[in-house]
Amino acid sequence: MDTSPHTLGALFKQLGLPNGRQEIDAFLGSHRLAAGQALPDAPFWSSAQAEFLREALDDDSDWAEEVDELAVRLSG
């Protein structure tokens, strides 16, 4: 069982992305979701990343809250 804290930084690490504060801010500043676009459908994810995000949301997994937060931050 995964007992690590589920934070936005941990989500970035899980997705194989740089997870430092500056790297996260840079990612959020350079990526946006199109109006009405679901987070897993964004073109900037690899197929594995998109599948992880989709499963997190569909299964309401431990990661769902952070995935929702990421979607909100990319929609702004």
C-alpha atoms as a PDB file:
ATOM      1  CA  MET A   1       0.000   0.000   0.000  1.00  0.00           C
ATOM      2  CA  ASP A   2       1.261   3.471  -0.915  1.00  0.00           C
ATOM      3  CA  THR A   3       1.515   5.550   2.262  1.00  0.00           C
ATOM      4  CA  SER A   4       3.482   8.458   0.811  1.00  0.00           C
ATOM      5  CA  PRO A   5       1.896  11.897   1.109  1.00  0.00           C
ATOM      6  CA  HIS A   6      -0.181  12.798  -1.913  1.00  0.00           C
ATOM      7  CA  THR A   7       0.755  16.355  -2.802  1.00  0.00           C
ATOM      8  CA  LEU A   8       0.957  18.192  -6.097  1.00  0.00           C
ATOM      9  CA  GLY A   9       4.740  17.707  -6.023  1.00  0.00           C
ATOM     10  CA  ALA A  10       4.298  13.981  -5.406  1.00  0.00           C
ATOM     11  CA  LEU A  11       1.841  13.830  -8.315  1.00  0.00           C
ATOM     12  CA  PHE A  12       4.390  15.443 -10.625  1.00  0.00           C
ATOM     13  CA  LYS A  13       6.964  12.898  -9.463  1.00  0.00           C
ATOM     14  CA  GLN A  14       4.471  10.081 -10.078  1.00  0.00           C
ATOM     15  CA  LEU A  15       3.966  11.435 -13.599  1.00  0.00           C
ATOM     16  CA  GLY A  16       7.727  11.426 -14.174  1.00  0.00           C
ATOM     17  CA  LEU A  17       7.942  15.217 -14.255  1.00  0.00           C
ATOM     18  CA  PRO A  18      10.324  17.499 -12.373  1.00  0.00           C
ATOM     19  CA  ASN A  19       8.659  18.123  -9.038  1.00  0.00           C
ATOM     20  CA  GLY A  20      10.418  21.118  -7.522  1.00  0.00           C
ATOM     21  CA  ARG A  21       8.375  24.256  -6.837  1.00  0.00           C
ATOM     22  CA  GLN A  22       9.998  26.209  -9.688  1.00  0.00           C
ATOM     23  CA  GLU A  23       9.548  23.341 -12.159  1.00  0.00           C
ATOM     24  CA  ILE A  24       5.886  22.918 -11.200  1.00  0.00           C
ATOM     25  CA  ASP A  25       5.283  26.664 -11.528  1.00  0.00           C
ATOM     26  CA  ALA A  26       6.995  26.639 -14.941  1.00  0.00           C
ATOM     27  CA  PHE A  27       4.845  23.709 -16.101  1.00  0.00           C
ATOM     28  CA  LEU A  28       1.670  25.413 -14.892  1.00  0.00           C
ATOM     29  CA  GLY A  29       2.720  28.623 -16.610  1.00  0.00           C
ATOM     30  CA  SER A  30       3.375  26.989 -19.963  1.00  0.00           C
ATOM     31  CA  HIS A  31       0.504  24.482 -20.214  1.00  0.00           C
ATOM     32  CA  ARG A  32      -3.231  25.159 -20.390  1.00  0.00           C
ATOM     33  CA  LEU A  33      -6.327  23.071 -20.918  1.00  0.00           C
ATOM     34  CA  ALA A  34      -8.623  24.105 -23.729  1.00  0.00           C
ATOM     35  CA  ALA A  35     -12.123  25.133 -22.696  1.00  0.00           C
ATOM     36  CA  GLY A  36     -14.070  22.006 -21.769  1.00  0.00           C
ATOM     37  CA  GLN A  37     -11.048  19.724 -22.188  1.00  0.00           C
ATOM     38  CA  ALA A  38     -10.633  16.918 -19.651  1.00  0.00           C
ATOM     39  CA  LEU A  39      -7.214  16.806 -18.011  1.00  0.00           C
ATOM     40  CA  PRO A  40      -6.275  13.324 -19.351  1.00  0.00           C
ATOM     41  CA  ASP A  41      -7.167  14.427 -22.895  1.00  0.00           C
ATOM     42  CA  ALA A  42      -4.643  17.278 -22.996  1.00  0.00           C
ATOM     43  CA  PRO A  43      -2.096  16.831 -25.799  1.00  0.00           C
ATOM     44  CA  PHE A  44       0.929  17.412 -23.569  1.00  0.00           C
ATOM     45  CA  TRP A  45       0.648  14.084 -21.703  1.00  0.00           C
ATOM     46  CA  SER A  46       2.256  10.853 -22.791  1.00  0.00           C
ATOM     47  CA  SER A  47      -0.137   7.935 -23.161  1.00  0.00           C
ATOM     48  CA  ALA A  48       1.050   6.495 -19.810  1.00  0.00           C
ATOM     49  CA  GLN A  49       0.559   9.830 -18.030  1.00  0.00           C
ATOM     50  CA  ALA A  50      -2.908  10.268 -19.539  1.00  0.00           C
ATOM     51  CA  GLU A  51      -3.885   6.751 -18.494  1.00  0.00           C
ATOM     52  CA  PHE A  52      -2.675   7.351 -14.920  1.00  0.00           C
ATOM     53  CA  LEU A  53      -4.692  10.587 -14.713  1.00  0.00           C
ATOM     54  CA  ARG A  54      -7.776   8.949 -16.225  1.00  0.00           C
ATOM     55  CA  GLU A  55      -7.606   6.008 -13.816  1.00  0.00           C
ATOM     56  CA  ALA A  56      -7.071   8.301 -10.829  1.00  0.00           C
ATOM     57  CA  LEU A  57     -10.271  10.156 -11.685  1.00  0.00           C
ATOM     58  CA  ASP A  58     -12.355   7.166 -12.810  1.00  0.00           C
ATOM     59  CA  ASP A  59     -11.417   5.082  -9.762  1.00  0.00           C
ATOM     60  CA  ASP A  60     -11.552   8.033  -7.333  1.00  0.00           C
ATOM     61  CA  SER A  61      -8.115   6.888  -6.192  1.00  0.00           C
ATOM     62  CA  ASP A  62      -5.918   8.429  -3.513  1.00  0.00           C
ATOM     63  CA  TRP A  63      -4.538  10.690  -6.251  1.00  0.00           C
ATOM     64  CA  ALA A  64      -7.931  12.056  -7.354  1.00  0.00           C
ATOM     65  CA  GLU A  65      -7.776  15.168  -5.177  1.00  0.00           C
ATOM     66  CA  GLU A  66      -4.366  16.191  -6.527  1.00  0.00           C
ATOM     67  CA  VAL A  67      -5.426  15.390 -10.097  1.00  0.00           C
ATOM     68  CA  ASP A  68      -8.486  17.619  -9.606  1.00  0.00           C
ATOM     69  CA  GLU A  69      -6.242  20.376  -8.227  1.00  0.00           C
ATOM     70  CA  LEU A  70      -3.966  20.076 -11.253  1.00  0.00           C
ATOM     71  CA  ALA A  71      -6.955  20.331 -13.601  1.00  0.00           C
ATOM     72  CA  VAL A  72      -8.160  23.489 -11.854  1.00  0.00           C
ATOM     73  CA  ARG A  73      -4.725  25.078 -11.974  1.00  0.00           C
ATOM     74  CA  LEU A  74      -4.343  24.291 -15.681  1.00  0.00           C
ATOM     75  CA  SER A  75      -7.789  25.688 -16.440  1.00  0.00           C
ATOM     76  CA  GLY A  76      -7.143  29.121 -14.948  1.00  0.00           C
END
